[in-house]
């Protein structure tokens, strides 16, 4: 499972999806429903602080023009879990102001 998640994230960074996942990418023009402050997560990452379980930050140019991404790994009830336990991942591509500019949803199979 860990390998599959890493492959999915690697492919996400390159801008595509694979057959072993159900992958959807949509523009983030609606209000952010996660209640997350993405800049706070980025700051925690940059300061080497422990992120909450199930949240991962990557600093990189994203496929849709962002400068970093935040991934939320969840179980079948939508609760945050470790990557190894996750069945879904929601990845937000963020601009320099921390605004989510695109979201990608994947079902990990």
PDB file of N, CA and C in Angstrom:
ATOM      1  N   UNK A   1       0.835  -1.194   0.000  1.00  0.00           N
ATOM      2  CA  UNK A   1       0.000   0.000   0.000  1.00  0.00           C
ATOM      3  C   UNK A   1       0.878   1.254   0.000  1.00  0.00           C
ATOM      4  N   UNK A   2       1.949   1.241   0.812  1.00  0.00           N
ATOM      5  CA  UNK A   2       2.826   2.405   0.881  1.00  0.00           C
ATOM      6  C   UNK A   2       3.437   2.702  -0.484  1.00  0.00           C
ATOM      7  N   UNK A   3       3.830   1.657  -1.202  1.00  0.00           N
ATOM      8  CA  UNK A   3       4.416   1.851  -2.525  1.00  0.00           C
ATOM      9  C   UNK A   3       3.409   2.471  -3.477  1.00  0.00           C
ATOM     10  N   UNK A   4       2.165   2.005  -3.415  1.00  0.00           N
ATOM     11  CA  UNK A   4       1.126   2.544  -4.285  1.00  0.00           C
ATOM     12  C   UNK A   4       0.907   4.020  -4.015  1.00  0.00           C
ATOM     13  N   UNK A   5       0.886   4.391  -2.756  1.00  0.00           N
ATOM     14  CA  UNK A   5       0.681   5.795  -2.401  1.00  0.00           C
ATOM     15  C   UNK A   5       1.839   6.639  -2.916  1.00  0.00           C
ATOM     16  N   UNK A   6       3.051   6.160  -2.734  1.00  0.00           N
ATOM     17  CA  UNK A   6       4.211   6.906  -3.211  1.00  0.00           C
ATOM     18  C   UNK A   6       4.199   7.039  -4.726  1.00  0.00           C
ATOM     19  N   UNK A   7       3.777   5.981  -5.422  1.00  0.00           N
ATOM     20  CA  UNK A   7       3.677   6.043  -6.882  1.00  0.00           C
ATOM     21  C   UNK A   7       2.628   7.065  -7.286  1.00  0.00           C
ATOM     22  N   UNK A   8       1.472   7.045  -6.606  1.00  0.00           N
ATOM     23  CA  UNK A   8       0.396   7.998  -6.922  1.00  0.00           C
ATOM     24  C   UNK A   8       0.857   9.430  -6.714  1.00  0.00           C
ATOM     25  N   UNK A   9       1.563   9.679  -5.613  1.00  0.00           N
ATOM     26  CA  UNK A   9       2.031  11.032  -5.354  1.00  0.00           C
ATOM     27  C   UNK A   9       3.081  11.455  -6.369  1.00  0.00           C
ATOM     28  N   UNK A  10       3.949  10.534  -6.749  1.00  0.00           N
ATOM     29  CA  UNK A  10       4.965  10.853  -7.748  1.00  0.00           C
ATOM     30  C   UNK A  10       4.310  11.190  -9.079  1.00  0.00           C
ATOM     31  N   UNK A  11       3.309  10.420  -9.455  1.00  0.00           N
ATOM     32  CA  UNK A  11       2.617  10.681 -10.712  1.00  0.00           C
ATOM     33  C   UNK A  11       1.840  11.987 -10.620  1.00  0.00           C
ATOM     34  N   UNK A  12       1.258  12.275  -9.445  1.00  0.00           N
ATOM     35  CA  UNK A  12       0.547  13.543  -9.261  1.00  0.00           C
ATOM     36  C   UNK A  12       1.483  14.720  -9.512  1.00  0.00           C
ATOM     37  N   UNK A  13       2.680  14.635  -8.963  1.00  0.00           N
ATOM     38  CA  UNK A  13       3.650  15.721  -9.134  1.00  0.00           C
ATOM     39  C   UNK A  13       3.964  15.914 -10.616  1.00  0.00           C
ATOM     40  N   UNK A  14       3.966  14.832 -11.374  1.00  0.00           N
ATOM     41  CA  UNK A  14       4.245  14.922 -12.804  1.00  0.00           C
ATOM     42  C   UNK A  14       3.000  15.292 -13.611  1.00  0.00           C
ATOM     43  N   UNK A  15       1.826  15.332 -12.957  1.00  0.00           N
ATOM     44  CA  UNK A  15       0.635  15.815 -13.629  1.00  0.00           C
ATOM     45  C   UNK A  15      -0.263  14.760 -14.241  1.00  0.00           C
ATOM     46  N   UNK A  16      -0.230  13.534 -13.753  1.00  0.00           N
ATOM     47  CA  UNK A  16      -1.088  12.512 -14.341  1.00  0.00           C
ATOM     48  C   UNK A  16      -1.671  11.573 -13.321  1.00  0.00           C
ATOM     49  N   UNK A  17      -2.444  10.604 -13.814  1.00  0.00           N
ATOM     50  CA  UNK A  17      -3.071   9.589 -12.971  1.00  0.00           C
ATOM     51  C   UNK A  17      -2.697   8.222 -13.519  1.00  0.00           C
ATOM     52  N   UNK A  18      -2.873   7.196 -12.698  1.00  0.00           N
ATOM     53  CA  UNK A  18      -2.571   5.841 -13.119  1.00  0.00           C
ATOM     54  C   UNK A  18      -3.820   4.990 -13.039  1.00  0.00           C
ATOM     55  N   UNK A  19      -3.794   3.825 -13.700  1.00  0.00           N
ATOM     56  CA  UNK A  19      -4.953   2.948 -13.745  1.00  0.00           C
ATOM     57  C   UNK A  19      -5.333   2.364 -12.398  1.00  0.00           C
ATOM     58  N   UNK A  20      -4.422   2.278 -11.456  1.00  0.00           N
ATOM     59  CA  UNK A  20      -4.718   1.671 -10.171  1.00  0.00           C
ATOM     60  C   UNK A  20      -5.400   2.636  -9.209  1.00  0.00           C
ATOM     61  N   UNK A  21      -5.709   3.838  -9.663  1.00  0.00           N
ATOM     62  CA  UNK A  21      -6.400   4.801  -8.816  1.00  0.00           C
ATOM     63  C   UNK A  21      -7.596   5.367  -9.556  1.00  0.00           C
ATOM     64  N   UNK A  22      -8.520   5.885  -8.792  1.00  0.00           N
ATOM     65  CA  UNK A  22      -9.566   6.722  -9.359  1.00  0.00           C
ATOM     66  C   UNK A  22      -9.139   8.137  -9.049  1.00  0.00           C
ATOM     67  N   UNK A  23      -8.910   8.935 -10.062  1.00  0.00           N
ATOM     68  CA  UNK A  23      -8.279  10.234  -9.870  1.00  0.00           C
ATOM     69  C   UNK A  23      -9.111  11.312 -10.527  1.00  0.00           C
ATOM     70  N   UNK A  24      -9.398  12.370  -9.781  1.00  0.00           N
ATOM     71  CA  UNK A  24     -10.158  13.497 -10.309  1.00  0.00           C
ATOM     72  C   UNK A  24      -9.460  14.774  -9.897  1.00  0.00           C
ATOM     73  N   UNK A  25      -9.281  15.690 -10.830  1.00  0.00           N
ATOM     74  CA  UNK A  25      -8.701  16.987 -10.512  1.00  0.00           C
ATOM     75  C   UNK A  25      -9.702  18.057 -10.911  1.00  0.00           C
ATOM     76  N   UNK A  26      -9.990  18.977  -9.986  1.00  0.00           N
ATOM     77  CA  UNK A  26     -10.939  20.045 -10.269  1.00  0.00           C
ATOM     78  C   UNK A  26     -10.339  21.374  -9.853  1.00  0.00           C
ATOM     79  N   UNK A  27     -10.714  22.467 -10.506  1.00  0.00           N
ATOM     80  CA  UNK A  27     -10.262  23.780 -10.060  1.00  0.00           C
ATOM     81  C   UNK A  27     -10.828  24.080  -8.677  1.00  0.00           C
ATOM     82  N   UNK A  28     -10.070  24.748  -7.875  1.00  0.00           N
ATOM     83  CA  UNK A  28     -10.513  25.053  -6.511  1.00  0.00           C
ATOM     84  C   UNK A  28     -11.137  26.439  -6.460  1.00  0.00           C
ATOM     85  N   UNK A  29     -12.161  26.665  -7.291  1.00  0.00           N
ATOM     86  CA  UNK A  29     -12.783  27.970  -7.307  1.00  0.00           C
ATOM     87  C   UNK A  29     -13.908  28.091  -6.286  1.00  0.00           C
ATOM     88  N   UNK A  30     -14.287  26.990  -5.660  1.00  0.00           N
ATOM     89  CA  UNK A  30     -15.282  27.043  -4.595  1.00  0.00           C
ATOM     90  C   UNK A  30     -14.558  27.237  -3.265  1.00  0.00           C
ATOM     91  N   UNK A  31     -15.274  27.657  -2.229  1.00  0.00           N
ATOM     92  CA  UNK A  31     -14.606  27.859  -0.933  1.00  0.00           C
ATOM     93  C   UNK A  31     -13.964  26.565  -0.439  1.00  0.00           C
ATOM     94  N   UNK A  32     -12.845  26.699   0.236  1.00  0.00           N
ATOM     95  CA  UNK A  32     -12.168  25.536   0.794  1.00  0.00           C
ATOM     96  C   UNK A  32     -13.017  24.946   1.902  1.00  0.00           C
ATOM     97  N   UNK A  33     -13.391  23.686   1.743  1.00  0.00           N
ATOM     98  CA  UNK A  33     -14.269  23.031   2.706  1.00  0.00           C
ATOM     99  C   UNK A  33     -13.507  22.279   3.783  1.00  0.00           C
ATOM    100  N   UNK A  34     -12.207  22.172   3.658  1.00  0.00           N
ATOM    101  CA  UNK A  34     -11.441  21.384   4.622  1.00  0.00           C
ATOM    102  C   UNK A  34     -11.210  22.127   5.928  1.00  0.00           C
ATOM    103  N   UNK A  35     -11.378  23.437   5.935  1.00  0.00           N
ATOM    104  CA  UNK A  35     -11.126  24.215   7.142  1.00  0.00           C
ATOM    105  C   UNK A  35      -9.646  24.339   7.465  1.00  0.00           C
ATOM    106  N   UNK A  36      -8.793  24.014   6.500  1.00  0.00           N
ATOM    107  CA  UNK A  36      -7.356  23.993   6.744  1.00  0.00           C
ATOM    108  C   UNK A  36      -6.721  25.322   6.379  1.00  0.00           C
ATOM    109  N   UNK A  37      -5.705  25.679   7.120  1.00  0.00           N
ATOM    110  CA  UNK A  37      -4.894  26.829   6.762  1.00  0.00           C
ATOM    111  C   UNK A  37      -3.615  26.275   6.150  1.00  0.00           C
ATOM    112  N   UNK A  38      -3.553  26.284   4.829  1.00  0.00           N
ATOM    113  CA  UNK A  38      -2.445  25.641   4.140  1.00  0.00           C
ATOM    114  C   UNK A  38      -1.104  26.295   4.433  1.00  0.00           C
ATOM    115  N   UNK A  39      -1.084  27.608   4.633  1.00  0.00           N
ATOM    116  CA  UNK A  39       0.180  28.274   4.966  1.00  0.00           C
ATOM    117  C   UNK A  39       0.711  27.811   6.323  1.00  0.00           C
ATOM    118  N   UNK A  40      -0.180  27.524   7.262  1.00  0.00           N
ATOM    119  CA  UNK A  40       0.261  26.995   8.557  1.00  0.00           C
ATOM    120  C   UNK A  40       0.952  25.653   8.389  1.00  0.00           C
ATOM    121  N   UNK A  41       0.381  24.780   7.556  1.00  0.00           N
ATOM    122  CA  UNK A  41       1.012  23.483   7.313  1.00  0.00           C
ATOM    123  C   UNK A  41       2.365  23.657   6.633  1.00  0.00           C
ATOM    124  N   UNK A  42       2.448  24.580   5.672  1.00  0.00           N
ATOM    125  CA  UNK A  42       3.720  24.841   4.988  1.00  0.00           C
ATOM    126  C   UNK A  42       4.766  25.353   5.976  1.00  0.00           C
ATOM    127  N   UNK A  43       4.354  26.268   6.853  1.00  0.00           N
ATOM    128  CA  UNK A  43       5.276  26.807   7.856  1.00  0.00           C
ATOM    129  C   UNK A  43       5.760  25.699   8.797  1.00  0.00           C
ATOM    130  N   UNK A  44       4.841  24.831   9.226  1.00  0.00           N
ATOM    131  CA  UNK A  44       5.231  23.710  10.086  1.00  0.00           C
ATOM    132  C   UNK A  44       6.273  22.837   9.391  1.00  0.00           C
ATOM    133  N   UNK A  45       6.039  22.560   8.114  1.00  0.00           N
ATOM    134  CA  UNK A  45       6.967  21.743   7.338  1.00  0.00           C
ATOM    135  C   UNK A  45       8.337  22.414   7.251  1.00  0.00           C
ATOM    136  N   UNK A  46       8.342  23.705   6.923  1.00  0.00           N
ATOM    137  CA  UNK A  46       9.601  24.430   6.762  1.00  0.00           C
ATOM    138  C   UNK A  46      10.375  24.547   8.070  1.00  0.00           C
ATOM    139  N   UNK A  47       9.659  24.545   9.197  1.00  0.00           N
ATOM    140  CA  UNK A  47      10.310  24.639  10.505  1.00  0.00           C
ATOM    141  C   UNK A  47      10.566  23.268  11.125  1.00  0.00           C
ATOM    142  N   UNK A  48      10.412  22.216  10.309  1.00  0.00           N
ATOM    143  CA  UNK A  48      10.642  20.835  10.747  1.00  0.00           C
ATOM    144  C   UNK A  48       9.784  20.441  11.949  1.00  0.00           C
ATOM    145  N   UNK A  49       8.599  21.013  12.052  1.00  0.00           N
ATOM    146  CA  UNK A  49       7.668  20.615  13.101  1.00  0.00           C
ATOM    147  C   UNK A  49       6.892  19.387  12.637  1.00  0.00           C
ATOM    148  N   UNK A  50       6.412  18.609  13.591  1.00  0.00           N
ATOM    149  CA  UNK A  50       5.607  17.442  13.253  1.00  0.00           C
ATOM    150  C   UNK A  50       4.246  17.892  12.751  1.00  0.00           C
ATOM    151  N   UNK A  51       3.895  17.406  11.573  1.00  0.00           N
ATOM    152  CA  UNK A  51       2.571  17.657  11.019  1.00  0.00           C
ATOM    153  C   UNK A  51       1.584  16.665  11.636  1.00  0.00           C
ATOM    154  N   UNK A  52       0.304  17.027  11.693  1.00  0.00           N
ATOM    155  CA  UNK A  52      -0.691  16.063  12.183  1.00  0.00           C
ATOM    156  C   UNK A  52      -0.672  14.800  11.335  1.00  0.00           C
ATOM    157  N   UNK A  53      -1.019  13.681  11.936  1.00  0.00           N
ATOM    158  CA  UNK A  53      -1.048  12.418  11.202  1.00  0.00           C
ATOM    159  C   UNK A  53      -1.982  12.554  10.002  1.00  0.00           C
ATOM    160  N   UNK A  54      -1.559  12.013   8.885  1.00  0.00           N
ATOM    161  CA  UNK A  54      -2.376  12.022   7.686  1.00  0.00           C
ATOM    162  C   UNK A  54      -2.238  13.263   6.834  1.00  0.00           C
ATOM    163  N   UNK A  55      -1.318  14.169   7.174  1.00  0.00           N
ATOM    164  CA  UNK A  55      -1.116  15.385   6.388  1.00  0.00           C
ATOM    165  C   UNK A  55       0.333  15.434   5.929  1.00  0.00           C
ATOM    166  N   UNK A  56       0.509  15.682   4.644  1.00  0.00           N
ATOM    167  CA  UNK A  56       1.853  15.749   4.070  1.00  0.00           C
ATOM    168  C   UNK A  56       1.979  17.009   3.224  1.00  0.00           C
ATOM    169  N   UNK A  57       3.100  17.705   3.357  1.00  0.00           N
ATOM    170  CA  UNK A  57       3.377  18.921   2.591  1.00  0.00           C
ATOM    171  C   UNK A  57       4.545  18.649   1.660  1.00  0.00           C
ATOM    172  N   UNK A  58       4.428  19.133   0.427  1.00  0.00           N
ATOM    173  CA  UNK A  58       5.515  19.069  -0.547  1.00  0.00           C
ATOM    174  C   UNK A  58       5.726  20.469  -1.115  1.00  0.00           C
ATOM    175  N   UNK A  59       6.973  20.921  -1.131  1.00  0.00           N
ATOM    176  CA  UNK A  59       7.314  22.209  -1.734  1.00  0.00           C
ATOM    177  C   UNK A  59       7.825  21.911  -3.142  1.00  0.00           C
ATOM    178  N   UNK A  60       7.064  22.307  -4.151  1.00  0.00           N
ATOM    179  CA  UNK A  60       7.416  22.039  -5.544  1.00  0.00           C
ATOM    180  C   UNK A  60       6.474  22.826  -6.448  1.00  0.00           C
ATOM    181  N   UNK A  61       6.886  23.019  -7.681  1.00  0.00           N
ATOM    182  CA  UNK A  61       5.986  23.594  -8.681  1.00  0.00           C
ATOM    183  C   UNK A  61       4.973  22.513  -9.035  1.00  0.00           C
ATOM    184  N   UNK A  62       3.697  22.832  -8.878  1.00  0.00           N
ATOM    185  CA  UNK A  62       2.655  21.831  -9.106  1.00  0.00           C
ATOM    186  C   UNK A  62       2.156  21.896 -10.550  1.00  0.00           C
ATOM    187  N   UNK A  63       1.492  20.843 -11.013  1.00  0.00           N
ATOM    188  CA  UNK A  63       1.021  20.802 -12.406  1.00  0.00           C
ATOM    189  C   UNK A  63       0.082  21.941 -12.790  1.00  0.00           C
ATOM    190  N   UNK A  64      -0.661  22.486 -11.816  1.00  0.00           N
ATOM    191  CA  UNK A  64      -1.632  23.533 -12.127  1.00  0.00           C
ATOM    192  C   UNK A  64      -1.176  24.926 -11.705  1.00  0.00           C
ATOM    193  N   UNK A  65       0.131  25.113 -11.517  1.00  0.00           N
ATOM    194  CA  UNK A  65       0.672  26.431 -11.262  1.00  0.00           C
ATOM    195  C   UNK A  65       0.878  26.805  -9.809  1.00  0.00           C
ATOM    196  N   UNK A  66       0.734  25.859  -8.907  1.00  0.00           N
ATOM    197  CA  UNK A  66       0.986  26.129  -7.493  1.00  0.00           C
ATOM    198  C   UNK A  66       2.455  26.060  -7.156  1.00  0.00           C
ATOM    199  N   UNK A  67       2.782  26.428  -5.910  1.00  0.00           N
ATOM    200  CA  UNK A  67       4.169  26.392  -5.462  1.00  0.00           C
ATOM    201  C   UNK A  67       4.391  25.384  -4.336  1.00  0.00           C
ATOM    202  N   UNK A  68       3.317  24.841  -3.797  1.00  0.00           N
ATOM    203  CA  UNK A  68       3.420  23.744  -2.843  1.00  0.00           C
ATOM    204  C   UNK A  68       2.099  22.991  -2.835  1.00  0.00           C
ATOM    205  N   UNK A  69       2.122  21.786  -2.242  1.00  0.00           N
ATOM    206  CA  UNK A  69       0.902  20.994  -2.149  1.00  0.00           C
ATOM    207  C   UNK A  69       0.752  20.438  -0.739  1.00  0.00           C
ATOM    208  N   UNK A  70      -0.498  20.213  -0.362  1.00  0.00           N
ATOM    209  CA  UNK A  70      -0.825  19.611   0.922  1.00  0.00           C
ATOM    210  C   UNK A  70      -1.735  18.422   0.641  1.00  0.00           C
ATOM    211  N   UNK A  71      -1.339  17.243   1.133  1.00  0.00           N
ATOM    212  CA  UNK A  71      -2.115  16.018   0.931  1.00  0.00           C
ATOM    213  C   UNK A  71      -2.751  15.595   2.252  1.00  0.00           C
ATOM    214  N   UNK A  72      -4.006  15.164   2.164  1.00  0.00           N
ATOM    215  CA  UNK A  72      -4.757  14.659   3.315  1.00  0.00           C
ATOM    216  C   UNK A  72      -5.074  13.194   3.058  1.00  0.00           C
ATOM    217  N   UNK A  73      -4.543  12.304   3.879  1.00  0.00           N
ATOM    218  CA  UNK A  73      -4.767  10.871   3.746  1.00  0.00           C
ATOM    219  C   UNK A  73      -5.881  10.456   4.701  1.00  0.00           C
ATOM    220  N   UNK A  74      -6.921   9.801   4.155  1.00  0.00           N
ATOM    221  CA  UNK A  74      -8.090   9.474   4.970  1.00  0.00           C
ATOM    222  C   UNK A  74      -8.496   8.012   4.838  1.00  0.00           C
ATOM    223  N   UNK A  75      -9.283   7.571   5.831  1.00  0.00           N
ATOM    224  CA  UNK A  75      -9.844   6.227   5.805  1.00  0.00           C
ATOM    225  C   UNK A  75     -11.241   6.270   5.196  1.00  0.00           C
ATOM    226  N   UNK A  76     -11.981   5.159   5.301  1.00  0.00           N
ATOM    227  CA  UNK A  76     -13.299   5.094   4.671  1.00  0.00           C
ATOM    228  C   UNK A  76     -14.350   5.975   5.346  1.00  0.00           C
ATOM    229  N   UNK A  77     -14.049   6.512   6.526  1.00  0.00           N
ATOM    230  CA  UNK A  77     -14.988   7.413   7.194  1.00  0.00           C
ATOM    231  C   UNK A  77     -14.601   8.875   7.002  1.00  0.00           C
ATOM    232  N   UNK A  78     -13.474   9.120   6.317  1.00  0.00           N
ATOM    233  CA  UNK A  78     -13.007  10.487   6.094  1.00  0.00           C
ATOM    234  C   UNK A  78     -12.078  11.001   7.167  1.00  0.00           C
ATOM    235  N   UNK A  79     -11.744  10.158   8.138  1.00  0.00           N
ATOM    236  CA  UNK A  79     -10.815  10.558   9.194  1.00  0.00           C
ATOM    237  C   UNK A  79      -9.373  10.491   8.727  1.00  0.00           C
ATOM    238  N   UNK A  80      -8.555  11.419   9.204  1.00  0.00           N
ATOM    239  CA  UNK A  80      -7.139  11.420   8.854  1.00  0.00           C
ATOM    240  C   UNK A  80      -6.445  10.206   9.443  1.00  0.00           C
ATOM    241  N   UNK A  81      -5.658   9.546   8.613  1.00  0.00           N
ATOM    242  CA  UNK A  81      -4.896   8.368   9.022  1.00  0.00           C
ATOM    243  C   UNK A  81      -3.526   8.413   8.363  1.00  0.00           C
ATOM    244  N   UNK A  82      -2.637   7.532   8.788  1.00  0.00           N
ATOM    245  CA  UNK A  82      -1.311   7.460   8.166  1.00  0.00           C
ATOM    246  C   UNK A  82      -1.449   7.016   6.711  1.00  0.00           C
ATOM    247  N   UNK A  83      -0.411   7.274   5.936  1.00  0.00           N
ATOM    248  CA  UNK A  83      -0.414   6.855   4.528  1.00  0.00           C
ATOM    249  C   UNK A  83      -0.675   5.367   4.384  1.00  0.00           C
ATOM    250  N   UNK A  84      -0.093   4.570   5.280  1.00  0.00           N
ATOM    251  CA  UNK A  84      -0.229   3.119   5.202  1.00  0.00           C
ATOM    252  C   UNK A  84      -1.668   2.660   5.388  1.00  0.00           C
ATOM    253  N   UNK A  85      -2.463   3.405   6.132  1.00  0.00           N
ATOM    254  CA  UNK A  85      -3.844   3.027   6.422  1.00  0.00           C
ATOM    255  C   UNK A  85      -4.855   3.680   5.493  1.00  0.00           C
ATOM    256  N   UNK A  86      -4.414   4.650   4.701  1.00  0.00           N
ATOM    257  CA  UNK A  86      -5.324   5.464   3.887  1.00  0.00           C
ATOM    258  C   UNK A  86      -5.930   4.682   2.730  1.00  0.00           C
ATOM    259  N   UNK A  87      -7.187   5.039   2.416  1.00  0.00           N
ATOM    260  CA  UNK A  87      -7.816   4.533   1.203  1.00  0.00           C
ATOM    261  C   UNK A  87      -8.102   5.675   0.225  1.00  0.00           C
ATOM    262  N   UNK A  88      -8.071   6.904   0.723  1.00  0.00           N
ATOM    263  CA  UNK A  88      -8.281   8.080  -0.115  1.00  0.00           C
ATOM    264  C   UNK A  88      -7.201   9.109   0.186  1.00  0.00           C
ATOM    265  N   UNK A  89      -6.918   9.937  -0.811  1.00  0.00           N
ATOM    266  CA  UNK A  89      -6.030  11.082  -0.600  1.00  0.00           C
ATOM    267  C   UNK A  89      -6.606  12.270  -1.354  1.00  0.00           C
ATOM    268  N   UNK A  90      -6.617  13.411  -0.699  1.00  0.00           N
ATOM    269  CA  UNK A  90      -7.052  14.674  -1.303  1.00  0.00           C
ATOM    270  C   UNK A  90      -5.841  15.598  -1.299  1.00  0.00           C
ATOM    271  N   UNK A  91      -5.435  16.033  -2.479  1.00  0.00           N
ATOM    272  CA  UNK A  91      -4.235  16.853  -2.611  1.00  0.00           C
ATOM    273  C   UNK A  91      -4.635  18.248  -3.080  1.00  0.00           C
ATOM    274  N   UNK A  92      -4.231  19.239  -2.323  1.00  0.00           N
ATOM    275  CA  UNK A  92      -4.481  20.633  -2.679  1.00  0.00           C
ATOM    276  C   UNK A  92      -3.193  21.230  -3.217  1.00  0.00           C
ATOM    277  N   UNK A  93      -3.270  21.793  -4.420  1.00  0.00           N
ATOM    278  CA  UNK A  93      -2.170  22.581  -4.957  1.00  0.00           C
ATOM    279  C   UNK A  93      -2.417  24.018  -4.509  1.00  0.00           C
ATOM    280  N   UNK A  94      -1.396  24.647  -3.959  1.00  0.00           N
ATOM    281  CA  UNK A  94      -1.569  25.983  -3.369  1.00  0.00           C
ATOM    282  C   UNK A  94      -0.656  27.005  -4.017  1.00  0.00           C
ATOM    283  N   UNK A  95      -1.175  28.248  -4.097  1.00  0.00           N
ATOM    284  CA  UNK A  95      -0.346  29.343  -4.598  1.00  0.00           C
ATOM    285  C   UNK A  95       0.492  29.904  -3.455  1.00  0.00           C
ATOM    286  N   UNK A  96       1.281  30.940  -3.736  1.00  0.00           N
ATOM    287  CA  UNK A  96       2.190  31.501  -2.727  1.00  0.00           C
ATOM    288  C   UNK A  96       1.457  32.103  -1.534  1.00  0.00           C
ATOM    289  N   UNK A  97       0.169  32.436  -1.700  1.00  0.00           N
ATOM    290  CA  UNK A  97      -0.623  32.971  -0.591  1.00  0.00           C
ATOM    291  C   UNK A  97      -1.303  31.883   0.229  1.00  0.00           C
ATOM    292  N   UNK A  98      -1.094  30.622  -0.169  1.00  0.00           N
ATOM    293  CA  UNK A  98      -1.708  29.514   0.553  1.00  0.00           C
ATOM    294  C   UNK A  98      -3.118  29.190   0.104  1.00  0.00           C
ATOM    295  N   UNK A  99      -3.565  29.813  -0.981  1.00  0.00           N
ATOM    296  CA  UNK A  99      -4.895  29.522  -1.514  1.00  0.00           C
ATOM    297  C   UNK A  99      -4.855  28.224  -2.314  1.00  0.00           C
ATOM    298  N   UNK A 100      -5.847  27.373  -2.104  1.00  0.00           N
ATOM    299  CA  UNK A 100      -5.965  26.147  -2.877  1.00  0.00           C
ATOM    300  C   UNK A 100      -6.429  26.512  -4.282  1.00  0.00           C
ATOM    301  N   UNK A 101      -5.605  26.195  -5.287  1.00  0.00           N
ATOM    302  CA  UNK A 101      -5.957  26.537  -6.663  1.00  0.00           C
ATOM    303  C   UNK A 101      -6.423  25.333  -7.460  1.00  0.00           C
ATOM    304  N   UNK A 102      -6.186  24.135  -6.934  1.00  0.00           N
ATOM    305  CA  UNK A 102      -6.652  22.907  -7.578  1.00  0.00           C
ATOM    306  C   UNK A 102      -6.676  21.807  -6.527  1.00  0.00           C
ATOM    307  N   UNK A 103      -7.639  20.909  -6.676  1.00  0.00           N
ATOM    308  CA  UNK A 103      -7.734  19.756  -5.770  1.00  0.00           C
ATOM    309  C   UNK A 103      -7.737  18.484  -6.614  1.00  0.00           C
ATOM    310  N   UNK A 104      -7.042  17.484  -6.126  1.00  0.00           N
ATOM    311  CA  UNK A 104      -7.051  16.169  -6.761  1.00  0.00           C
ATOM    312  C   UNK A 104      -7.504  15.159  -5.726  1.00  0.00           C
ATOM    313  N   UNK A 105      -8.495  14.355  -6.102  1.00  0.00           N
ATOM    314  CA  UNK A 105      -9.017  13.313  -5.219  1.00  0.00           C
ATOM    315  C   UNK A 105      -8.638  11.973  -5.803  1.00  0.00           C
ATOM    316  N   UNK A 106      -8.081  11.084  -4.968  1.00  0.00           N
ATOM    317  CA  UNK A 106      -7.719   9.755  -5.435  1.00  0.00           C
ATOM    318  C   UNK A 106      -8.244   8.711  -4.466  1.00  0.00           C
ATOM    319  N   UNK A 107      -8.777   7.633  -5.031  1.00  0.00           N
ATOM    320  CA  UNK A 107      -9.126   6.444  -4.271  1.00  0.00           C
ATOM    321  C   UNK A 107      -7.977   5.478  -4.469  1.00  0.00           C
ATOM    322  N   UNK A 108      -7.362   5.054  -3.397  1.00  0.00           N
ATOM    323  CA  UNK A 108      -6.219   4.152  -3.467  1.00  0.00           C
ATOM    324  C   UNK A 108      -6.746   2.727  -3.414  1.00  0.00           C
ATOM    325  N   UNK A 109      -6.479   1.957  -4.435  1.00  0.00           N
ATOM    326  CA  UNK A 109      -7.013   0.597  -4.510  1.00  0.00           C
ATOM    327  C   UNK A 109      -5.921  -0.427  -4.404  1.00  0.00           C
TER     328      UNK A 109
END
